Protein backbone atom coordinates (compact mmCIF):
# COMPACT_ATOMS: atom_id res chain seq x y z
CA VAL A 1 -16.43 35.79 17.18
CA ALA A 2 -14.90 33.47 19.64
CA ALA A 3 -15.95 30.57 17.49
CA MET A 4 -14.44 32.06 14.51
CA GLN A 5 -11.28 32.72 16.34
CA ARG A 6 -11.23 29.12 17.56
CA SER A 7 -11.68 27.84 14.00
CA GLU A 8 -8.80 29.98 12.71
CA ALA A 9 -6.68 28.80 15.53
CA LEU A 10 -7.49 25.23 14.71
CA ILE A 11 -6.69 25.79 10.93
CA THR A 12 -3.45 27.50 11.79
CA ALA A 13 -2.38 24.47 13.99
CA LEU A 14 -3.24 22.12 11.34
CA LYS A 15 -1.32 23.83 8.83
CA LYS A 16 1.70 24.00 11.23
CA SER A 17 1.25 20.19 11.97
CA ASN A 18 1.08 19.40 8.26
CA ALA A 19 4.23 21.43 7.62
CA GLU A 20 6.26 19.56 10.47
CA LEU A 21 5.04 16.33 9.09
CA ASP A 22 6.19 17.17 5.43
CA GLN A 23 9.49 18.16 7.10
CA PHE A 24 9.85 14.91 8.93
CA ALA A 25 9.06 13.00 5.82
CA TYR A 26 11.40 14.91 3.73
CA VAL A 27 14.25 14.29 6.45
CA ALA A 28 13.41 10.65 6.80
CA SER A 29 13.23 9.85 2.91
CA HIS A 30 16.39 11.91 2.04
CA ASP A 31 18.76 12.69 5.10
CA LEU A 32 18.37 9.03 6.50
CA LYS A 33 19.11 7.43 3.26
CA ALA A 34 22.63 8.56 3.22
CA PRO A 35 23.94 6.56 6.09
CA LEU A 36 21.95 3.61 4.68
CA ARG A 37 23.85 3.81 1.38
CA VAL A 38 27.15 3.96 3.51
CA ILE A 39 26.24 0.73 5.29
CA SER A 40 25.14 -0.96 2.17
CA ASN A 41 28.41 0.08 0.38
CA ALA A 42 30.41 -0.88 3.19
CA VAL A 43 29.04 -4.35 3.38
CA THR A 44 29.89 -4.76 -0.39
CA TRP A 45 33.34 -3.75 0.24
CA LEU A 46 33.87 -6.20 3.09
CA GLU A 47 32.51 -8.90 1.01
CA GLU A 48 34.96 -8.13 -1.74
CA ASP A 49 37.94 -7.96 0.61
CA LEU A 50 37.08 -10.85 2.84
CA ALA A 51 36.02 -13.22 -0.08
CA PRO A 52 38.92 -15.81 0.52
CA TYR A 53 38.02 -15.95 4.16
CA MET A 54 34.34 -16.07 4.21
CA ASN A 55 32.34 -19.08 5.10
CA GLU A 56 28.54 -19.94 4.92
CA ASP A 57 27.95 -18.04 8.40
CA THR A 58 29.72 -14.88 7.49
CA ARG A 59 28.03 -14.91 4.14
CA GLU A 60 24.79 -15.28 5.74
CA THR A 61 25.63 -12.24 8.12
CA MET A 62 26.56 -10.04 5.15
CA ALA A 63 23.38 -10.83 3.43
CA LEU A 64 21.32 -10.13 6.59
CA LEU A 65 22.90 -6.77 6.70
CA GLN A 66 22.21 -5.94 2.99
CA GLY A 67 18.83 -7.08 3.46
CA ARG A 68 18.09 -4.96 6.48
CA ALA A 69 19.49 -1.85 4.90
CA LYS A 70 17.40 -2.39 1.66
CA ARG A 71 14.27 -2.98 3.91
CA MET A 72 14.98 0.29 5.87
CA GLU A 73 15.10 2.14 2.57
CA VAL A 74 11.88 0.76 1.29
CA LEU A 75 10.32 1.65 4.72
CA LEU A 76 11.46 5.44 4.30
CA ASN A 77 10.31 5.52 0.74
CA ASP A 78 6.91 4.15 1.76
CA LEU A 79 6.74 6.66 4.71
CA LEU A 80 7.29 9.57 2.41
CA GLN A 81 4.47 8.30 -0.04
CA HIS A 82 2.11 7.86 2.86
CA SER A 83 2.64 11.35 4.04
CA ARG A 84 1.90 12.62 0.57
CA ILE A 85 -1.44 11.02 0.12
CA GLY A 86 -4.07 13.74 0.18
CA ARG A 87 -1.55 16.50 -0.41
CA VAL A 88 -0.81 15.89 -4.11
CA ALA A 89 -3.50 16.03 -6.65
CA SER A 90 -4.34 12.93 -8.55
CA PRO A 91 -4.86 13.05 -12.32
CA GLU A 92 -8.54 12.88 -13.28
CA ALA A 93 -7.96 10.68 -16.45
CA ARG A 94 -10.67 8.03 -16.59
CA VAL A 95 -10.22 4.47 -18.28
CA ALA A 96 -12.41 1.72 -19.21
CA GLY A 97 -12.41 -1.32 -16.74
CA GLY A 98 -10.64 -3.48 -19.28
CA ASP A 99 -7.90 -1.27 -19.72
CA MET A 100 -7.69 -0.92 -15.93
CA ALA A 101 -7.71 -4.72 -15.63
CA ASP A 102 -4.82 -5.05 -18.10
CA GLY A 103 -2.80 -2.41 -16.35
CA LEU A 104 -3.20 -4.12 -12.94
CA LEU A 105 -2.08 -7.47 -14.28
CA GLU A 106 0.95 -5.76 -16.00
CA LEU A 107 1.87 -4.16 -12.71
CA LEU A 108 1.52 -7.31 -10.57
CA GLU A 109 3.57 -10.49 -10.56
CA VAL A 110 0.91 -13.10 -10.69
CA PRO A 111 2.20 -16.63 -9.94
CA PRO A 112 1.28 -19.35 -12.51
CA GLY A 113 -1.24 -21.05 -10.24
CA ILE A 114 -3.07 -17.89 -9.14
CA GLU A 115 -5.85 -16.55 -11.38
CA VAL A 116 -7.12 -13.01 -11.22
CA GLN A 117 -10.45 -12.63 -12.54
CA PHE A 118 -12.47 -9.39 -13.59
CA PRO A 119 -16.17 -9.90 -14.14
CA ASP A 120 -18.06 -8.29 -17.30
CA ARG A 121 -19.52 -5.40 -15.05
CA PHE A 122 -15.87 -4.44 -14.07
CA ILE A 123 -14.60 -4.73 -17.57
CA GLU A 124 -17.55 -2.58 -19.11
CA LEU A 125 -17.44 0.23 -16.38
CA GLN A 126 -15.44 3.64 -16.72
CA MET A 127 -13.48 4.67 -13.73
CA ARG A 128 -10.97 7.22 -12.75
CA LYS A 129 -7.46 5.65 -12.98
CA LEU A 130 -5.56 7.14 -10.20
CA PRO A 131 -5.32 6.78 -7.26
CA LEU A 132 -7.80 3.76 -7.74
CA GLU A 133 -5.22 1.82 -9.61
CA THR A 134 -2.81 2.01 -6.59
CA VAL A 135 -5.52 0.91 -4.21
CA LEU A 136 -6.43 -2.22 -6.32
CA VAL A 137 -2.66 -3.02 -6.97
CA ASN A 138 -1.97 -3.15 -3.07
CA LEU A 139 -5.20 -5.18 -2.42
CA ILE A 140 -4.59 -7.80 -5.24
CA GLY A 141 -0.88 -7.77 -4.53
CA ASN A 142 -1.69 -8.39 -0.70
CA SER A 143 -3.88 -11.26 -1.77
CA ILE A 144 -1.26 -12.69 -3.82
CA LYS A 145 1.46 -12.28 -1.36
CA HIS A 146 -0.39 -14.00 1.53
CA HIS A 147 -1.90 -16.81 -0.20
CA ASP A 148 -0.85 -20.20 1.17
CA ARG A 149 -1.57 -22.65 -1.82
CA ASP A 150 0.05 -22.90 -5.09
CA THR A 151 -3.26 -22.55 -6.73
CA GLY A 152 -5.85 -19.88 -6.06
CA ARG A 153 -8.28 -17.33 -7.20
CA ILE A 154 -8.83 -13.77 -6.75
CA VAL A 155 -11.94 -11.92 -8.03
CA VAL A 156 -12.02 -8.11 -8.41
CA ASP A 157 -15.61 -7.08 -8.82
CA VAL A 158 -17.41 -3.85 -8.64
CA VAL A 159 -21.25 -2.61 -8.27
CA ASP A 160 -22.35 0.70 -9.54
CA HIS A 161 -24.63 2.42 -7.07
CA GLY A 162 -24.80 5.71 -9.00
CA ASP A 163 -22.75 8.20 -7.11
CA VAL A 164 -20.75 5.54 -5.44
CA LEU A 165 -18.87 2.32 -6.68
CA THR A 166 -18.52 -0.57 -4.32
CA PHE A 167 -15.34 -2.72 -5.12
CA ARG A 168 -14.77 -6.20 -3.81
CA VAL A 169 -11.40 -7.95 -3.82
CA GLU A 170 -11.89 -11.45 -2.94
CA ASP A 171 -9.57 -14.36 -2.56
CA ASP A 172 -9.63 -17.90 -1.36
CA GLY A 173 -6.30 -17.61 0.87
CA PRO A 174 -5.84 -18.19 4.38
CA GLY A 175 -8.22 -15.59 5.82
CA ILE A 176 -7.67 -12.92 8.52
CA GLU A 177 -8.62 -13.43 12.04
CA PRO A 178 -11.45 -11.01 13.12
CA SER A 179 -9.33 -9.44 15.83
CA TYR A 180 -6.75 -8.29 13.15
CA HIS A 181 -9.36 -6.62 10.89
CA GLU A 182 -8.69 -3.02 12.09
CA ARG A 183 -4.95 -3.45 12.90
CA ILE A 184 -3.94 -4.64 9.31
CA PHE A 185 -4.52 -1.12 8.12
CA GLU A 186 -2.13 0.56 10.55
CA VAL A 187 1.30 1.70 9.51
CA PHE A 188 4.04 -0.83 9.53
CA GLN A 189 1.53 -3.58 10.47
CA THR A 190 2.14 -7.21 9.16
CA LEU A 191 0.54 -10.51 10.28
CA GLN A 192 3.72 -12.34 9.51
CA SER A 193 7.36 -11.70 10.48
CA ARG A 194 9.22 -9.69 7.97
CA ASP A 195 11.81 -12.33 7.93
CA GLN A 196 9.19 -14.89 6.62
CA LEU A 197 7.64 -12.36 4.21
CA GLU A 198 9.37 -9.41 2.96
CA SER A 199 6.96 -6.44 3.43
CA SER A 200 7.25 -2.87 4.64
CA GLY A 201 3.70 -3.32 6.22
CA MET A 202 2.56 -0.05 4.43
CA GLY A 203 0.39 -1.33 1.62
CA LEU A 204 -2.81 -1.64 3.50
CA ALA A 205 -2.19 1.69 5.20
CA PHE A 206 -1.84 3.15 1.58
CA VAL A 207 -5.20 1.77 0.76
CA LYS A 208 -7.02 2.98 3.59
CA LYS A 209 -5.75 6.48 3.42
CA TYR A 210 -6.46 6.84 -0.24
CA ILE A 211 -10.02 5.74 0.32
CA ASP A 212 -10.47 7.90 3.29
CA VAL A 213 -9.16 11.05 1.35
CA ALA A 214 -11.36 10.21 -1.47
CA GLY A 215 -14.32 10.11 0.97
CA GLY A 216 -14.92 6.28 0.96
CA ALA A 217 -14.65 3.54 3.37
CA ILE A 218 -13.27 0.13 3.63
CA ARG A 219 -13.98 -3.22 5.40
CA VAL A 220 -12.67 -6.54 5.82
CA VAL A 221 -14.89 -9.69 5.57
CA SER A 222 -13.10 -12.98 6.83
CA ASP A 223 -13.70 -15.52 9.33
CA GLY A 224 -9.95 -16.10 9.74
CA LEU A 225 -10.19 -19.76 8.36
CA ARG A 226 -10.43 -19.50 4.72
CA GLY A 227 -10.90 -16.63 2.28
CA THR A 228 -10.80 -12.83 2.60
CA THR A 229 -12.86 -9.98 1.06
CA PHE A 230 -11.73 -6.41 1.10
CA GLU A 231 -14.86 -4.27 0.17
CA PHE A 232 -14.65 -0.32 -0.25
CA GLN A 233 -16.66 2.25 -1.47
CA TRP A 234 -15.26 4.61 -3.97
CA PRO A 235 -17.23 8.01 -4.89
CA LYS A 236 -17.19 8.52 -8.64
CA GLU A 237 -16.50 12.29 -8.19
CA LEU A 238 -13.58 13.82 -6.34
CA SER A 239 -13.93 14.60 -2.90
CA GLN A 240 -13.36 18.17 -1.54
CA GLN A 241 -9.96 16.77 -0.06
CA ASP A 242 -8.97 15.56 -3.54
CA ARG A 243 -10.00 18.92 -5.20
CA ALA A 244 -7.86 20.99 -2.67
CA ALA A 245 -4.82 18.53 -2.82
């Protein structure tokens, strides 16, 4: 009886915590956007009114203010999306790997010198579209964004183990130092300054949470010198958390 009471108390506390998180995410994504829009609009009006008097320095300052306001709005949107992972049911539609590959390439901005390859076993496999598509978009996009050369190759592969699929997104970019292999999955973490590379730092946090909720796991393989592989297990069937979402 005591164990049951403790279990019920924990469930009640968890529900309360989830409700508080939902409320916080709502406030962050809605209420805090209003002053950001005011700031953005005010900067635009100032630019128009002061146009005859502005020099290179003042124009740069105005652009900086606009950039910071837009960055904050992106962070708020990403925070709300992160809080919803595992709470909103994902469609169970399945697609052929070839259709998945085509869809990923349409969603991504792939520079001319970067080649994204999908081996035959990826193309021929049937897979659940969402949220797997979101996971792969973020991983491939991360490889593109952080590539340090004009030319490069990204290989998106999969191995079918029966109940579980093992996906690998491998690139020939700059690599990730082993000491950062865990940190990169944390919320708002970036390896480069946001002034050097525009990013909310949420992409890999999305990836890890989606995979955790699905009942899989992800790891990074890189010596930090050249090349990075993200490898993750993705159950073919929905996890209990997915079903309850």
